[in-house]
PDB file of all heavy atoms in Angstrom:
ATOM      1  N   PRO A   1      52.763  60.332  34.671  1.00  0.00           N
ATOM      2  CA  PRO A   1      53.917  59.459  34.431  1.00  0.00           C
ATOM      3  C   PRO A   1      53.792  58.125  35.157  1.00  0.00           C
ATOM      4  O   PRO A   1      53.193  58.045  36.236  1.00  0.00           O
ATOM      5  CB  PRO A   1      55.092  60.280  34.972  1.00  0.00           C
ATOM      6  CG  PRO A   1      54.485  61.225  35.959  1.00  0.00           C
ATOM      7  CD  PRO A   1      53.131  61.552  35.429  1.00  0.00           C
ATOM      8  N   PHE A   2      54.400  57.097  34.573  1.00  0.00           N
ATOM      9  CA  PHE A   2      54.351  55.753  35.134  1.00  0.00           C
ATOM     10  C   PHE A   2      55.531  54.991  34.540  1.00  0.00           C
ATOM     11  O   PHE A   2      55.391  54.260  33.559  1.00  0.00           O
ATOM     12  CB  PHE A   2      53.013  55.092  34.766  1.00  0.00           C
ATOM     13  CG  PHE A   2      52.734  53.757  35.398  1.00  0.00           C
ATOM     14  CD1 PHE A   2      51.486  53.175  35.276  1.00  0.00           C
ATOM     15  CD2 PHE A   2      53.698  53.051  36.111  1.00  0.00           C
ATOM     16  CE1 PHE A   2      51.195  51.946  35.863  1.00  0.00           C
ATOM     17  CE2 PHE A   2      53.428  51.831  36.690  1.00  0.00           C
ATOM     18  CZ  PHE A   2      52.163  51.277  36.556  1.00  0.00           C
ATOM     19  N   PRO A   3      56.726  55.133  35.131  1.00  0.00           N
ATOM     20  CA  PRO A   3      57.943  54.587  34.523  1.00  0.00           C
ATOM     21  C   PRO A   3      57.907  53.092  34.243  1.00  0.00           C
ATOM     22  O   PRO A   3      58.473  52.634  33.252  1.00  0.00           O
ATOM     23  CB  PRO A   3      59.031  54.931  35.556  1.00  0.00           C
ATOM     24  CG  PRO A   3      58.517  56.141  36.264  1.00  0.00           C
ATOM     25  CD  PRO A   3      57.039  55.941  36.338  1.00  0.00           C
ATOM     26  N   THR A   4      57.277  52.285  35.090  1.00  0.00           N
ATOM     27  CA  THR A   4      57.310  50.826  34.923  1.00  0.00           C
ATOM     28  C   THR A   4      56.065  50.266  34.250  1.00  0.00           C
ATOM     29  O   THR A   4      55.818  49.052  34.275  1.00  0.00           O
ATOM     30  CB  THR A   4      57.503  50.113  36.276  1.00  0.00           C
ATOM     31  OG1 THR A   4      56.348  50.337  37.098  1.00  0.00           O
ATOM     32  CG2 THR A   4      58.750  50.602  36.984  1.00  0.00           C
ATOM     33  N   GLU A   5      55.276  51.129  33.622  1.00  0.00           N
ATOM     34  CA  GLU A   5      54.028  50.682  33.003  1.00  0.00           C
ATOM     35  C   GLU A   5      54.293  49.637  31.922  1.00  0.00           C
ATOM     36  O   GLU A   5      55.231  49.754  31.128  1.00  0.00           O
ATOM     37  CB  GLU A   5      53.272  51.860  32.398  1.00  0.00           C
ATOM     38  CG  GLU A   5      51.919  51.475  31.789  1.00  0.00           C
ATOM     39  CD  GLU A   5      51.110  52.652  31.314  1.00  0.00           C
ATOM     40  OE1 GLU A   5      51.670  53.780  31.234  1.00  0.00           O
ATOM     41  OE2 GLU A   5      49.909  52.476  31.030  1.00  0.00           O
ATOM     42  N   LEU A   6      53.436  48.615  31.884  1.00  0.00           N
ATOM     43  CA  LEU A   6      53.500  47.557  30.882  1.00  0.00           C
ATOM     44  C   LEU A   6      52.262  47.628  29.996  1.00  0.00           C
ATOM     45  O   LEU A   6      51.131  47.531  30.497  1.00  0.00           O
ATOM     46  CB  LEU A   6      53.572  46.186  31.551  1.00  0.00           C
ATOM     47  CG  LEU A   6      54.803  45.913  32.427  1.00  0.00           C
ATOM     48  CD1 LEU A   6      54.614  44.622  33.217  1.00  0.00           C
ATOM     49  CD2 LEU A   6      56.069  45.842  31.578  1.00  0.00           C
ATOM     50  N   THR A   7      52.470  47.803  28.712  1.00  0.00           N
ATOM     51  CA  THR A   7      51.344  47.868  27.773  1.00  0.00           C
ATOM     52  C   THR A   7      51.260  46.599  26.933  1.00  0.00           C
ATOM     53  O   THR A   7      50.628  46.591  25.885  1.00  0.00           O
ATOM     54  CB  THR A   7      51.471  49.108  26.867  1.00  0.00           C
ATOM     55  OG1 THR A   7      52.737  49.064  26.190  1.00  0.00           O
ATOM     56  CG2 THR A   7      51.400  50.388  27.695  1.00  0.00           C
ATOM     57  N   ASP A   8      51.906  45.539  27.406  1.00  0.00           N
ATOM     58  CA  ASP A   8      51.943  44.279  26.673  1.00  0.00           C
ATOM     59  C   ASP A   8      51.037  43.247  27.343  1.00  0.00           C
ATOM     60  O   ASP A   8      50.212  43.571  28.200  1.00  0.00           O
ATOM     61  CB  ASP A   8      53.379  43.762  26.573  1.00  0.00           C
ATOM     62  CG  ASP A   8      54.044  43.607  27.948  1.00  0.00           C
ATOM     63  OD1 ASP A   8      53.334  43.714  28.994  1.00  0.00           O
ATOM     64  OD2 ASP A   8      55.277  43.372  28.010  1.00  0.00           O
ATOM     65  N   GLU A   9      51.221  41.984  26.971  1.00  0.00           N
ATOM     66  CA  GLU A   9      50.380  40.919  27.512  1.00  0.00           C
ATOM     67  C   GLU A   9      50.594  40.720  29.015  1.00  0.00           C
ATOM     68  O   GLU A   9      49.677  40.263  29.725  1.00  0.00           O
ATOM     69  CB  GLU A   9      50.619  39.595  26.766  1.00  0.00           C
ATOM     70  CG  GLU A   9      52.010  38.964  26.933  1.00  0.00           C
ATOM     71  CD  GLU A   9      53.041  39.570  25.987  1.00  0.00           C
ATOM     72  OE1 GLU A   9      52.695  40.511  25.235  1.00  0.00           O
ATOM     73  OE2 GLU A   9      54.183  39.067  25.985  1.00  0.00           O
ATOM     74  N   ILE A  10      51.787  41.033  29.529  1.00  0.00           N
ATOM     75  CA  ILE A  10      52.025  40.899  30.967  1.00  0.00           C
ATOM     76  C   ILE A  10      51.211  41.940  31.732  1.00  0.00           C
ATOM     77  O   ILE A  10      50.601  41.648  32.758  1.00  0.00           O
ATOM     78  CB  ILE A  10      53.526  41.025  31.291  1.00  0.00           C
ATOM     79  CG1 ILE A  10      54.288  39.861  30.671  1.00  0.00           C
ATOM     80  CG2 ILE A  10      53.745  41.043  32.812  1.00  0.00           C
ATOM     81  CD1 ILE A  10      55.797  39.939  30.860  1.00  0.00           C
ATOM     82  N   GLY A  11      51.189  43.167  31.204  1.00  0.00           N
ATOM     83  CA  GLY A  11      50.355  44.199  31.805  1.00  0.00           C
ATOM     84  C   GLY A  11      48.887  43.806  31.807  1.00  0.00           C
ATOM     85  O   GLY A  11      48.169  44.027  32.786  1.00  0.00           O
ATOM     86  N   ASP A  12      48.437  43.203  30.706  1.00  0.00           N
ATOM     87  CA  ASP A  12      47.053  42.729  30.630  1.00  0.00           C
ATOM     88  C   ASP A  12      46.794  41.614  31.639  1.00  0.00           C
ATOM     89  O   ASP A  12      45.731  41.562  32.270  1.00  0.00           O
ATOM     90  CB  ASP A  12      46.732  42.233  29.216  1.00  0.00           C
ATOM     91  CG  ASP A  12      46.670  43.354  28.193  1.00  0.00           C
ATOM     92  OD1 ASP A  12      46.454  44.527  28.597  1.00  0.00           O
ATOM     93  OD2 ASP A  12      46.840  43.074  26.987  1.00  0.00           O
ATOM     94  N   LEU A  13      47.779  40.719  31.799  1.00  0.00           N
ATOM     95  CA  LEU A  13      47.644  39.618  32.751  1.00  0.00           C
ATOM     96  C   LEU A  13      47.523  40.140  34.179  1.00  0.00           C
ATOM     97  O   LEU A  13      46.661  39.684  34.949  1.00  0.00           O
ATOM     98  CB  LEU A  13      48.840  38.677  32.645  1.00  0.00           C
ATOM     99  CG  LEU A  13      48.872  37.507  33.654  1.00  0.00           C
ATOM    100  CD1 LEU A  13      47.753  36.526  33.362  1.00  0.00           C
ATOM    101  CD2 LEU A  13      50.230  36.801  33.618  1.00  0.00           C
ATOM    102  N   LEU A  14      48.357  41.106  34.540  1.00  0.00           N
ATOM    103  CA  LEU A  14      48.284  41.695  35.872  1.00  0.00           C
ATOM    104  C   LEU A  14      46.921  42.342  36.106  1.00  0.00           C
ATOM    105  O   LEU A  14      46.315  42.187  37.171  1.00  0.00           O
ATOM    106  CB  LEU A  14      49.389  42.741  36.055  1.00  0.00           C
ATOM    107  CG  LEU A  14      50.830  42.231  36.067  1.00  0.00           C
ATOM    108  CD1 LEU A  14      51.810  43.405  36.114  1.00  0.00           C
ATOM    109  CD2 LEU A  14      51.090  41.289  37.233  1.00  0.00           C
ATOM    110  N   GLY A  15      46.433  43.051  35.092  1.00  0.00           N
ATOM    111  CA  GLY A  15      45.135  43.703  35.212  1.00  0.00           C
ATOM    112  C   GLY A  15      43.996  42.723  35.356  1.00  0.00           C
ATOM    113  O   GLY A  15      43.066  42.929  36.140  1.00  0.00           O
ATOM    114  N   THR A  16      44.062  41.625  34.597  1.00  0.00           N
ATOM    115  CA  THR A  16      43.009  40.618  34.644  1.00  0.00           C
ATOM    116  C   THR A  16      43.021  39.859  35.964  1.00  0.00           C
ATOM    117  O   THR A  16      41.997  39.724  36.639  1.00  0.00           O
ATOM    118  CB  THR A  16      43.158  39.633  33.474  1.00  0.00           C
ATOM    119  OG1 THR A  16      43.093  40.361  32.238  1.00  0.00           O
ATOM    120  CG2 THR A  16      42.045  38.590  33.500  1.00  0.00           C
ATOM    121  N   ARG A  17      44.197  39.342  36.343  1.00  0.00           N
ATOM    122  CA  ARG A  17      44.300  38.560  37.579  1.00  0.00           C
ATOM    123  C   ARG A  17      44.062  39.427  38.812  1.00  0.00           C
ATOM    124  O   ARG A  17      43.487  38.959  39.802  1.00  0.00           O
ATOM    125  CB  ARG A  17      45.671  37.895  37.677  1.00  0.00           C
ATOM    126  CG  ARG A  17      45.828  36.687  36.760  1.00  0.00           C
ATOM    127  CD  ARG A  17      47.181  35.997  36.971  1.00  0.00           C
ATOM    128  NE  ARG A  17      47.437  35.624  38.345  1.00  0.00           N
ATOM    129  CZ  ARG A  17      46.973  34.560  38.948  1.00  0.00           C
ATOM    130  NH1 ARG A  17      46.175  33.742  38.292  1.00  0.00           N
ATOM    131  NH2 ARG A  17      47.258  34.292  40.222  1.00  0.00           N
ATOM    132  N   GLY A  18      44.487  40.675  38.755  1.00  0.00           N
ATOM    133  CA  GLY A  18      44.311  41.569  39.886  1.00  0.00           C
ATOM    134  C   GLY A  18      42.980  42.281  39.925  1.00  0.00           C
ATOM    135  O   GLY A  18      42.710  43.046  40.857  1.00  0.00           O
ATOM    136  N   LYS A  19      42.131  42.031  38.896  1.00  0.00           N
ATOM    137  CA  LYS A  19      40.829  42.709  38.791  1.00  0.00           C
ATOM    138  C   LYS A  19      41.006  44.215  38.960  1.00  0.00           C
ATOM    139  O   LYS A  19      40.374  44.867  39.792  1.00  0.00           O
ATOM    140  CB  LYS A  19      39.836  42.162  39.819  1.00  0.00           C
ATOM    141  CG  LYS A  19      39.485  40.683  39.623  1.00  0.00           C
ATOM    142  CD  LYS A  19      38.506  40.207  40.670  1.00  0.00           C
ATOM    143  CE  LYS A  19      38.030  38.779  40.405  1.00  0.00           C
ATOM    144  NZ  LYS A  19      39.114  37.789  40.344  1.00  0.00           N
ATOM    145  N   GLU A  20      41.901  44.763  38.133  1.00  0.00           N
ATOM    146  CA  GLU A  20      42.317  46.148  38.267  1.00  0.00           C
ATOM    147  C   GLU A  20      41.370  47.105  37.555  1.00  0.00           C
ATOM    148  O   GLU A  20      41.631  47.629  36.479  1.00  0.00           O
ATOM    149  CB  GLU A  20      43.760  46.315  37.783  1.00  0.00           C
ATOM    150  CG  GLU A  20      44.787  45.517  38.581  1.00  0.00           C
ATOM    151  CD  GLU A  20      44.918  45.965  40.033  1.00  0.00           C
ATOM    152  OE1 GLU A  20      44.298  46.983  40.404  1.00  0.00           O
ATOM    153  OE2 GLU A  20      45.639  45.316  40.799  1.00  0.00           O
ATOM    154  N   PHE A  21      40.259  47.346  38.236  1.00  0.00           N
ATOM    155  CA  PHE A  21      39.284  48.334  37.800  1.00  0.00           C
ATOM    156  C   PHE A  21      38.933  49.200  39.002  1.00  0.00           C
ATOM    157  O   PHE A  21      38.765  48.698  40.107  1.00  0.00           O
ATOM    158  CB  PHE A  21      38.029  47.673  37.230  1.00  0.00           C
ATOM    159  CG  PHE A  21      38.280  46.886  35.980  1.00  0.00           C
ATOM    160  CD1 PHE A  21      38.603  45.543  36.043  1.00  0.00           C
ATOM    161  CD2 PHE A  21      38.217  47.502  34.742  1.00  0.00           C
ATOM    162  CE1 PHE A  21      38.853  44.807  34.882  1.00  0.00           C
ATOM    163  CE2 PHE A  21      38.461  46.778  33.578  1.00  0.00           C
ATOM    164  CZ  PHE A  21      38.779  45.431  33.653  1.00  0.00           C
ATOM    165  N   GLY A  22      38.841  50.515  38.796  1.00  0.00           N
ATOM    166  CA  GLY A  22      38.598  51.434  39.891  1.00  0.00           C
ATOM    167  C   GLY A  22      37.285  51.169  40.604  1.00  0.00           C
ATOM    168  O   GLY A  22      36.253  50.948  39.965  1.00  0.00           O
ATOM    169  N   THR A  23      37.314  51.199  41.953  1.00  0.00           N
ATOM    170  CA  THR A  23      36.111  50.994  42.744  1.00  0.00           C
ATOM    171  C   THR A  23      35.085  52.087  42.490  1.00  0.00           C
ATOM    172  O   THR A  23      33.886  51.828  42.427  1.00  0.00           O
ATOM    173  CB  THR A  23      36.461  50.963  44.248  1.00  0.00           C
ATOM    174  OG1 THR A  23      37.384  49.913  44.480  1.00  0.00           O
ATOM    175  CG2 THR A  23      35.220  50.738  45.105  1.00  0.00           C
ATOM    176  N   VAL A  24      35.539  53.313  42.341  1.00  0.00           N
ATOM    177  CA  VAL A  24      34.640  54.456  42.169  1.00  0.00           C
ATOM    178  C   VAL A  24      34.232  54.643  40.718  1.00  0.00           C
ATOM    179  O   VAL A  24      33.058  54.826  40.400  1.00  0.00           O
ATOM    180  CB  VAL A  24      35.302  55.745  42.711  1.00  0.00           C
ATOM    181  CG1 VAL A  24      34.444  56.967  42.375  1.00  0.00           C
ATOM    182  CG2 VAL A  24      35.508  55.640  44.216  1.00  0.00           C
ATOM    183  N   THR A  25      35.212  54.599  39.796  1.00  0.00           N
ATOM    184  CA  THR A  25      34.943  54.957  38.398  1.00  0.00           C
ATOM    185  C   THR A  25      34.814  53.757  37.474  1.00  0.00           C
ATOM    186  O   THR A  25      34.351  53.913  36.334  1.00  0.00           O
ATOM    187  CB  THR A  25      36.079  55.836  37.854  1.00  0.00           C
ATOM    188  OG1 THR A  25      37.303  55.078  37.858  1.00  0.00           O
ATOM    189  CG2 THR A  25      36.254  57.085  38.713  1.00  0.00           C
ATOM    190  N   SER A  26      35.243  52.574  37.914  1.00  0.00           N
ATOM    191  CA  SER A  26      35.301  51.361  37.081  1.00  0.00           C
ATOM    192  C   SER A  26      36.299  51.490  35.935  1.00  0.00           C
ATOM    193  O   SER A  26      36.325  50.664  35.028  1.00  0.00           O
ATOM    194  CB  SER A  26      33.909  50.990  36.528  1.00  0.00           C
ATOM    195  OG  SER A  26      33.034  50.662  37.592  1.00  0.00           O
ATOM    196  N   ARG A  27      37.129  52.548  35.973  1.00  0.00           N
ATOM    197  CA  ARG A  27      38.155  52.701  34.951  1.00  0.00           C
ATOM    198  C   ARG A  27      39.210  51.613  35.083  1.00  0.00           C
ATOM    199  O   ARG A  27      39.585  51.227  36.187  1.00  0.00           O
ATOM    200  CB  ARG A  27      38.831  54.069  35.053  1.00  0.00           C
ATOM    201  CG  ARG A  27      37.999  55.229  34.588  1.00  0.00           C
ATOM    202  CD  ARG A  27      38.793  56.533  34.618  1.00  0.00           C
ATOM    203  NE  ARG A  27      39.102  56.940  35.977  1.00  0.00           N
ATOM    204  CZ  ARG A  27      39.792  58.038  36.285  1.00  0.00           C
ATOM    205  NH1 ARG A  27      40.254  58.828  35.341  1.00  0.00           N
ATOM    206  NH2 ARG A  27      40.022  58.346  37.558  1.00  0.00           N
ATOM    207  N   LYS A  28      39.687  51.121  33.931  1.00  0.00           N
ATOM    208  CA  LYS A  28      40.754  50.132  33.927  1.00  0.00           C
ATOM    209  C   LYS A  28      42.038  50.787  34.427  1.00  0.00           C
ATOM    210  O   LYS A  28      42.414  51.866  34.007  1.00  0.00           O
ATOM    211  CB  LYS A  28      40.962  49.590  32.517  1.00  0.00           C
ATOM    212  CG  LYS A  28      42.002  48.481  32.421  1.00  0.00           C
ATOM    213  CD  LYS A  28      42.139  47.981  31.001  1.00  0.00           C
ATOM    214  CE  LYS A  28      43.197  46.876  30.907  1.00  0.00           C
ATOM    215  NZ  LYS A  28      43.365  46.393  29.521  1.00  0.00           N
ATOM    216  N   ARG A  29      42.700  50.113  35.368  1.00  0.00           N
ATOM    217  CA  ARG A  29      43.959  50.625  35.893  1.00  0.00           C
ATOM    218  C   ARG A  29      45.128  50.259  35.000  1.00  0.00           C
ATOM    219  O   ARG A  29      45.160  49.173  34.413  1.00  0.00           O
ATOM    220  CB  ARG A  29      44.199  50.082  37.302  1.00  0.00           C
ATOM    221  CG  ARG A  29      43.175  50.526  38.322  1.00  0.00           C
ATOM    222  CD  ARG A  29      43.355  49.838  39.659  1.00  0.00           C
ATOM    223  NE  ARG A  29      42.263  50.182  40.580  1.00  0.00           N
ATOM    224  CZ  ARG A  29      41.752  49.371  41.481  1.00  0.00           C
ATOM    225  NH1 ARG A  29      42.211  48.142  41.589  1.00  0.00           N
ATOM    226  NH2 ARG A  29      40.755  49.771  42.249  1.00  0.00           N
ATOM    227  N   ARG A  30      46.068  51.167  34.886  1.00  0.00           N
ATOM    228  CA  ARG A  30      47.320  50.892  34.198  1.00  0.00           C
ATOM    229  C   ARG A  30      48.181  50.014  35.113  1.00  0.00           C
ATOM    230  O   ARG A  30      48.215  50.230  36.326  1.00  0.00           O
ATOM    231  CB  ARG A  30      48.023  52.211  33.879  1.00  0.00           C
ATOM    232  CG  ARG A  30      47.186  53.129  32.995  1.00  0.00           C
ATOM    233  CD  ARG A  30      47.536  54.604  33.155  1.00  0.00           C
ATOM    234  NE  ARG A  30      48.903  54.901  32.757  1.00  0.00           N
ATOM    235  CZ  ARG A  30      49.496  56.073  32.988  1.00  0.00           C
ATOM    236  NH1 ARG A  30      48.859  57.038  33.663  1.00  0.00           N
ATOM    237  NH2 ARG A  30      50.735  56.282  32.591  1.00  0.00           N
ATOM    238  N   CYS A  31      48.875  49.037  34.574  1.00  0.00           N
ATOM    239  CA  CYS A  31      49.627  48.084  35.382  1.00  0.00           C
ATOM    240  C   CYS A  31      51.095  48.038  34.961  1.00  0.00           C
ATOM    241  O   CYS A  31      51.419  48.229  33.786  1.00  0.00           O
ATOM    242  CB  CYS A  31      49.030  46.676  35.258  1.00  0.00           C
ATOM    243  SG  CYS A  31      47.325  46.531  35.840  1.00  0.00           S
ATOM    244  N   GLY A  32      51.968  47.757  35.917  1.00  0.00           N
ATOM    245  CA  GLY A  32      53.390  47.644  35.620  1.00  0.00           C
ATOM    246  C   GLY A  32      54.138  46.925  36.721  1.00  0.00           C
ATOM    247  O   GLY A  32      53.569  46.520  37.740  1.00  0.00           O
ATOM    248  N   TRP A  33      55.440  46.769  36.514  1.00  0.00           N
ATOM    249  CA  TRP A  33      56.287  46.101  37.510  1.00  0.00           C
ATOM    250  C   TRP A  33      56.409  46.925  38.792  1.00  0.00           C
ATOM    251  O   TRP A  33      56.177  48.146  38.787  1.00  0.00           O
ATOM    252  CB  TRP A  33      57.689  45.861  36.935  1.00  0.00           C
ATOM    253  CG  TRP A  33      57.766  44.905  35.785  1.00  0.00           C
ATOM    254  CD1 TRP A  33      58.237  45.158  34.536  1.00  0.00           C
ATOM    255  CD2 TRP A  33      57.381  43.516  35.781  1.00  0.00           C
ATOM    256  NE1 TRP A  33      58.184  44.034  33.754  1.00  0.00           N
ATOM    257  CE2 TRP A  33      57.653  43.000  34.502  1.00  0.00           C
ATOM    258  CE3 TRP A  33      56.826  42.662  36.738  1.00  0.00           C
ATOM    259  CZ2 TRP A  33      57.400  41.685  34.141  1.00  0.00           C
ATOM    260  CZ3 TRP A  33      56.567  41.339  36.380  1.00  0.00           C
ATOM    261  CH2 TRP A  33      56.856  40.863  35.098  1.00  0.00           C
ATOM    262  N   PHE A  34      56.795  46.259  39.848  1.00  0.00           N
ATOM    263  CA  PHE A  34      57.018  46.924  41.119  1.00  0.00           C
ATOM    264  C   PHE A  34      58.128  47.956  40.972  1.00  0.00           C
ATOM    265  O   PHE A  34      59.222  47.651  40.492  1.00  0.00           O
ATOM    266  CB  PHE A  34      57.394  45.905  42.195  1.00  0.00           C
ATOM    267  CG  PHE A  34      57.578  46.504  43.560  1.00  0.00           C
ATOM    268  CD1 PHE A  34      56.483  46.735  44.372  1.00  0.00           C
ATOM    269  CD2 PHE A  34      58.836  46.840  44.023  1.00  0.00           C
ATOM    270  CE1 PHE A  34      56.649  47.288  45.633  1.00  0.00           C
ATOM    271  CE2 PHE A  34      59.011  47.394  45.279  1.00  0.00           C
ATOM    272  CZ  PHE A  34      57.918  47.617  46.084  1.00  0.00           C
ATOM    273  N   ASP A  35      57.848  49.189  41.392  1.00  0.00           N
ATOM    274  CA  ASP A  35      58.821  50.276  41.311  1.00  0.00           C
ATOM    275  C   ASP A  35      59.426  50.492  42.691  1.00  0.00           C
ATOM    276  O   ASP A  35      58.882  51.220  43.524  1.00  0.00           O
ATOM    277  CB  ASP A  35      58.155  51.557  40.804  1.00  0.00           C
ATOM    278  CG  ASP A  35      59.163  52.610  40.382  1.00  0.00           C
ATOM    279  OD1 ASP A  35      60.254  52.660  40.990  1.00  0.00           O
ATOM    280  OD2 ASP A  35      58.875  53.391  39.453  1.00  0.00           O
ATOM    281  N   GLY A  36      60.553  49.835  42.937  1.00  0.00           N
ATOM    282  CA  GLY A  36      61.218  49.934  44.230  1.00  0.00           C
ATOM    283  C   GLY A  36      61.732  51.328  44.530  1.00  0.00           C
ATOM    284  O   GLY A  36      61.752  51.756  45.685  1.00  0.00           O
ATOM    285  N   VAL A  37      62.132  52.060  43.487  1.00  0.00           N
ATOM    286  CA  VAL A  37      62.649  53.414  43.670  1.00  0.00           C
ATOM    287  C   VAL A  37      61.559  54.323  44.229  1.00  0.00           C
ATOM    288  O   VAL A  37      61.767  55.053  45.205  1.00  0.00           O
ATOM    289  CB  VAL A  37      63.187  53.979  42.341  1.00  0.00           C
ATOM    290  CG1 VAL A  37      63.715  55.400  42.542  1.00  0.00           C
ATOM    291  CG2 VAL A  37      64.275  53.084  41.778  1.00  0.00           C
ATOM    292  N   LEU A  38      60.386  54.266  43.610  1.00  0.00           N
ATOM    293  CA  LEU A  38      59.293  55.118  44.047  1.00  0.00           C
ATOM    294  C   LEU A  38      58.804  54.746  45.437  1.00  0.00           C
ATOM    295  O   LEU A  38      58.529  55.612  46.265  1.00  0.00           O
ATOM    296  CB  LEU A  38      58.128  55.041  43.058  1.00  0.00           C
ATOM    297  CG  LEU A  38      58.173  56.013  41.886  1.00  0.00           C
ATOM    298  CD1 LEU A  38      56.955  55.854  41.004  1.00  0.00           C
ATOM    299  CD2 LEU A  38      58.271  57.454  42.396  1.00  0.00           C
ATOM    300  N   VAL A  39      58.674  53.452  45.706  1.00  0.00           N
ATOM    301  CA  VAL A  39      58.193  53.033  47.018  1.00  0.00           C
ATOM    302  C   VAL A  39      59.180  53.435  48.108  1.00  0.00           C
ATOM    303  O   VAL A  39      58.792  53.945  49.161  1.00  0.00           O
ATOM    304  CB  VAL A  39      57.918  51.512  47.044  1.00  0.00           C
ATOM    305  CG1 VAL A  39      57.640  51.046  48.475  1.00  0.00           C
ATOM    306  CG2 VAL A  39      56.727  51.176  46.150  1.00  0.00           C
ATOM    307  N   ARG A  40      60.467  53.245  47.858  1.00  0.00           N
ATOM    308  CA  ARG A  40      61.481  53.673  48.831  1.00  0.00           C
ATOM    309  C   ARG A  40      61.367  55.167  49.088  1.00  0.00           C
ATOM    310  O   ARG A  40      61.515  55.634  50.218  1.00  0.00           O
ATOM    311  CB  ARG A  40      62.871  53.308  48.329  1.00  0.00           C
ATOM    312  CG  ARG A  40      63.991  53.589  49.324  1.00  0.00           C
ATOM    313  CD  ARG A  40      65.310  53.032  48.818  1.00  0.00           C
ATOM    314  NE  ARG A  40      65.695  53.648  47.541  1.00  0.00           N
ATOM    315  CZ  ARG A  40      66.725  53.257  46.810  1.00  0.00           C
ATOM    316  NH1 ARG A  40      67.480  52.227  47.211  1.00  0.00           N
ATOM    317  NH2 ARG A  40      67.011  53.867  45.668  1.00  0.00           N
ATOM    318  N   GLN A  41      61.083  55.931  48.042  1.00  0.00           N
ATOM    319  CA  GLN A  41      60.932  57.379  48.151  1.00  0.00           C
ATOM    320  C   GLN A  41      59.707  57.740  49.002  1.00  0.00           C
ATOM    321  O   GLN A  41      59.794  58.595  49.894  1.00  0.00           O
ATOM    322  CB  GLN A  41      60.805  57.982  46.739  1.00  0.00           C
ATOM    323  CG  GLN A  41      60.804  59.494  46.675  1.00  0.00           C
ATOM    324  CD  GLN A  41      60.988  59.965  45.231  1.00  0.00           C
ATOM    325  OE1 GLN A  41      61.731  59.377  44.454  1.00  0.00           O
ATOM    326  NE2 GLN A  41      60.326  61.040  44.854  1.00  0.00           N
TER     327      GLN A  41
END
């Protein structure tokens, strides 16, 4: 599960600018908005 996941151009932008690929697997990371609820938890 990933409640704040973005599958649109913003998600792609975050992935591109953040170079979101796994260090170990090189898998593309799923990207989304900051989830304050989860972080607080």
